[in-house]
Amino acid sequence: MDSGGTFVFDMFEEMDLYDLAKTAQNEDYKRLSEWLCNYQSRKIAEHNRLWEQDKRREYEHEYQ
């Protein structure tokens, strides 16, 4: 579902997903907006993890 999820996320990337979740009227729309918020949070966490990993490798390489 990740490739499909990425497509859906890209469609809403410019929107404030938390506002979208708060204003959702029907249950399907609400579930979709909550899923998008969670997906965005996971993407940010993964980006931060990879960034920290790269910085750690640079530091270790520089001070060996």
N, C-alpha and C. Protein backbone atom coordinates (compact mmCIF):
# COMPACT_ATOMS: atom_id res chain seq x y z
N MET A 1 0.82 -1.20 0.00
CA MET A 1 0.00 0.00 0.00
C MET A 1 0.86 1.26 0.00
N ASP A 2 2.16 1.11 0.22
CA ASP A 2 3.01 2.29 0.30
C ASP A 2 3.02 3.08 -1.00
N SER A 3 3.15 2.40 -2.14
CA SER A 3 3.18 3.15 -3.40
C SER A 3 1.86 3.89 -3.61
N GLY A 4 0.74 3.25 -3.32
CA GLY A 4 -0.54 3.93 -3.40
C GLY A 4 -0.65 5.02 -2.35
N GLY A 5 -0.16 4.72 -1.16
CA GLY A 5 -0.18 5.71 -0.09
C GLY A 5 0.64 6.93 -0.42
N THR A 6 1.77 6.72 -1.08
CA THR A 6 2.61 7.85 -1.48
C THR A 6 1.86 8.73 -2.45
N PHE A 7 1.16 8.12 -3.40
CA PHE A 7 0.39 8.89 -4.38
C PHE A 7 -0.68 9.72 -3.68
N VAL A 8 -1.41 9.10 -2.78
CA VAL A 8 -2.46 9.82 -2.06
C VAL A 8 -1.85 10.94 -1.24
N PHE A 9 -0.75 10.65 -0.56
CA PHE A 9 -0.10 11.67 0.25
C PHE A 9 0.36 12.84 -0.61
N ASP A 10 0.95 12.55 -1.77
CA ASP A 10 1.42 13.62 -2.66
C ASP A 10 0.28 14.53 -3.09
N MET A 11 -0.91 13.98 -3.26
CA MET A 11 -2.05 14.80 -3.66
C MET A 11 -2.40 15.82 -2.59
N PHE A 12 -2.20 15.46 -1.33
CA PHE A 12 -2.59 16.33 -0.21
C PHE A 12 -1.39 17.02 0.43
N GLU A 13 -0.22 16.89 -0.19
CA GLU A 13 1.01 17.37 0.44
C GLU A 13 0.96 18.85 0.79
N GLU A 14 0.32 19.65 -0.04
CA GLU A 14 0.29 21.09 0.19
C GLU A 14 -0.75 21.51 1.23
N MET A 15 -1.61 20.60 1.63
CA MET A 15 -2.69 20.94 2.56
C MET A 15 -2.22 20.78 3.99
N ASP A 16 -2.83 21.50 4.90
CA ASP A 16 -2.59 21.31 6.32
C ASP A 16 -3.41 20.09 6.74
N LEU A 17 -2.75 18.96 6.89
CA LEU A 17 -3.47 17.71 7.12
C LEU A 17 -4.15 17.66 8.47
N TYR A 18 -3.63 18.37 9.44
CA TYR A 18 -4.27 18.37 10.76
C TYR A 18 -5.59 19.14 10.71
N ASP A 19 -5.64 20.25 9.97
CA ASP A 19 -6.90 20.95 9.79
C ASP A 19 -7.89 20.09 9.02
N LEU A 20 -7.38 19.37 8.02
CA LEU A 20 -8.22 18.47 7.24
C LEU A 20 -8.87 17.43 8.15
N ALA A 21 -8.09 16.86 9.06
CA ALA A 21 -8.64 15.84 9.97
C ALA A 21 -9.67 16.44 10.91
N LYS A 22 -9.43 17.65 11.38
CA LYS A 22 -10.35 18.28 12.33
C LYS A 22 -11.69 18.64 11.69
N THR A 23 -11.68 18.98 10.41
CA THR A 23 -12.90 19.44 9.76
C THR A 23 -13.63 18.35 8.98
N ALA A 24 -13.12 17.12 9.03
CA ALA A 24 -13.75 16.04 8.27
C ALA A 24 -15.18 15.81 8.75
N GLN A 25 -16.10 15.67 7.81
CA GLN A 25 -17.51 15.53 8.14
C GLN A 25 -17.97 14.08 8.21
N ASN A 26 -17.61 13.27 7.23
CA ASN A 26 -18.07 11.89 7.28
C ASN A 26 -16.95 10.96 7.73
N GLU A 27 -17.30 9.76 8.13
CA GLU A 27 -16.33 8.84 8.73
C GLU A 27 -15.24 8.41 7.76
N ASP A 28 -15.59 8.13 6.50
CA ASP A 28 -14.58 7.72 5.52
C ASP A 28 -13.57 8.83 5.30
N TYR A 29 -14.06 10.03 5.15
CA TYR A 29 -13.19 11.18 4.95
C TYR A 29 -12.33 11.42 6.18
N LYS A 30 -12.92 11.24 7.34
CA LYS A 30 -12.18 11.41 8.59
C LYS A 30 -11.08 10.37 8.71
N ARG A 31 -11.38 9.11 8.39
CA ARG A 31 -10.36 8.05 8.44
C ARG A 31 -9.24 8.33 7.46
N LEU A 32 -9.58 8.79 6.25
CA LEU A 32 -8.56 9.11 5.26
C LEU A 32 -7.66 10.23 5.76
N SER A 33 -8.24 11.28 6.30
CA SER A 33 -7.44 12.41 6.76
C SER A 33 -6.56 12.01 7.95
N GLU A 34 -7.08 11.16 8.85
CA GLU A 34 -6.26 10.69 9.97
C GLU A 34 -5.11 9.83 9.46
N TRP A 35 -5.40 8.97 8.47
CA TRP A 35 -4.35 8.14 7.89
C TRP A 35 -3.27 9.02 7.26
N LEU A 36 -3.69 10.07 6.56
CA LEU A 36 -2.72 10.97 5.94
C LEU A 36 -1.86 11.68 6.99
N CYS A 37 -2.46 12.08 8.09
CA CYS A 37 -1.69 12.71 9.18
C CYS A 37 -0.66 11.73 9.74
N ASN A 38 -1.09 10.49 9.97
CA ASN A 38 -0.16 9.48 10.49
C ASN A 38 0.94 9.18 9.48
N TYR A 39 0.57 9.11 8.20
CA TYR A 39 1.55 8.85 7.15
C TYR A 39 2.58 9.98 7.11
N GLN A 40 2.11 11.22 7.19
CA GLN A 40 3.01 12.37 7.19
C GLN A 40 3.96 12.29 8.39
N SER A 41 3.45 11.95 9.54
CA SER A 41 4.29 11.83 10.74
C SER A 41 5.35 10.75 10.57
N ARG A 42 4.97 9.61 9.99
CA ARG A 42 5.94 8.54 9.75
C ARG A 42 7.00 8.97 8.76
N LYS A 43 6.61 9.69 7.70
CA LYS A 43 7.57 10.17 6.70
C LYS A 43 8.57 11.13 7.34
N ILE A 44 8.09 12.03 8.18
CA ILE A 44 8.97 12.99 8.85
C ILE A 44 9.92 12.25 9.79
N ALA A 45 9.40 11.30 10.56
CA ALA A 45 10.24 10.54 11.49
C ALA A 45 11.31 9.75 10.73
N GLU A 46 10.94 9.14 9.62
CA GLU A 46 11.90 8.38 8.81
C GLU A 46 12.97 9.32 8.24
N HIS A 47 12.56 10.47 7.75
CA HIS A 47 13.52 11.45 7.22
C HIS A 47 14.50 11.86 8.31
N ASN A 48 13.99 12.16 9.51
CA ASN A 48 14.86 12.57 10.61
C ASN A 48 15.82 11.45 11.02
N ARG A 49 15.32 10.23 11.04
CA ARG A 49 16.17 9.09 11.39
C ARG A 49 17.30 8.93 10.39
N LEU A 50 16.98 9.01 9.10
CA LEU A 50 18.01 8.87 8.07
C LEU A 50 19.00 10.02 8.12
N TRP A 51 18.52 11.23 8.38
CA TRP A 51 19.40 12.38 8.47
C TRP A 51 20.38 12.21 9.63
N GLU A 52 19.88 11.79 10.79
CA GLU A 52 20.75 11.57 11.94
C GLU A 52 21.77 10.46 11.66
N GLN A 53 21.33 9.42 10.98
CA GLN A 53 22.22 8.32 10.63
C GLN A 53 23.34 8.81 9.71
N ASP A 54 23.00 9.62 8.71
CA ASP A 54 24.01 10.18 7.81
C ASP A 54 24.99 11.07 8.55
N LYS A 55 24.49 11.91 9.45
CA LYS A 55 25.36 12.80 10.22
C LYS A 55 26.30 11.99 11.12
N ARG A 56 25.79 10.93 11.71
CA ARG A 56 26.61 10.08 12.57
C ARG A 56 27.72 9.43 11.75
N ARG A 57 27.40 8.95 10.55
CA ARG A 57 28.42 8.34 9.68
C ARG A 57 29.47 9.37 9.28
N GLU A 58 29.04 10.58 8.94
CA GLU A 58 29.99 11.63 8.59
C GLU A 58 30.93 11.92 9.76
N TYR A 59 30.38 12.01 10.95
CA TYR A 59 31.17 12.29 12.14
C TYR A 59 32.18 11.17 12.39
N GLU A 60 31.71 9.93 12.32
CA GLU A 60 32.59 8.78 12.55
C GLU A 60 33.68 8.72 11.51
N HIS A 61 33.36 9.01 10.26
CA HIS A 61 34.34 8.98 9.18
C HIS A 61 35.37 10.09 9.37
N GLU A 62 34.92 11.26 9.79
CA GLU A 62 35.80 12.41 9.95
C GLU A 62 36.78 12.23 11.10
N TYR A 63 36.36 11.56 12.17
CA TYR A 63 37.19 11.45 13.37
C TYR A 63 37.79 10.06 13.58
N GLN A 64 37.93 9.30 12.52
CA GLN A 64 38.57 7.98 12.65
C GLN A 64 40.07 8.12 12.60
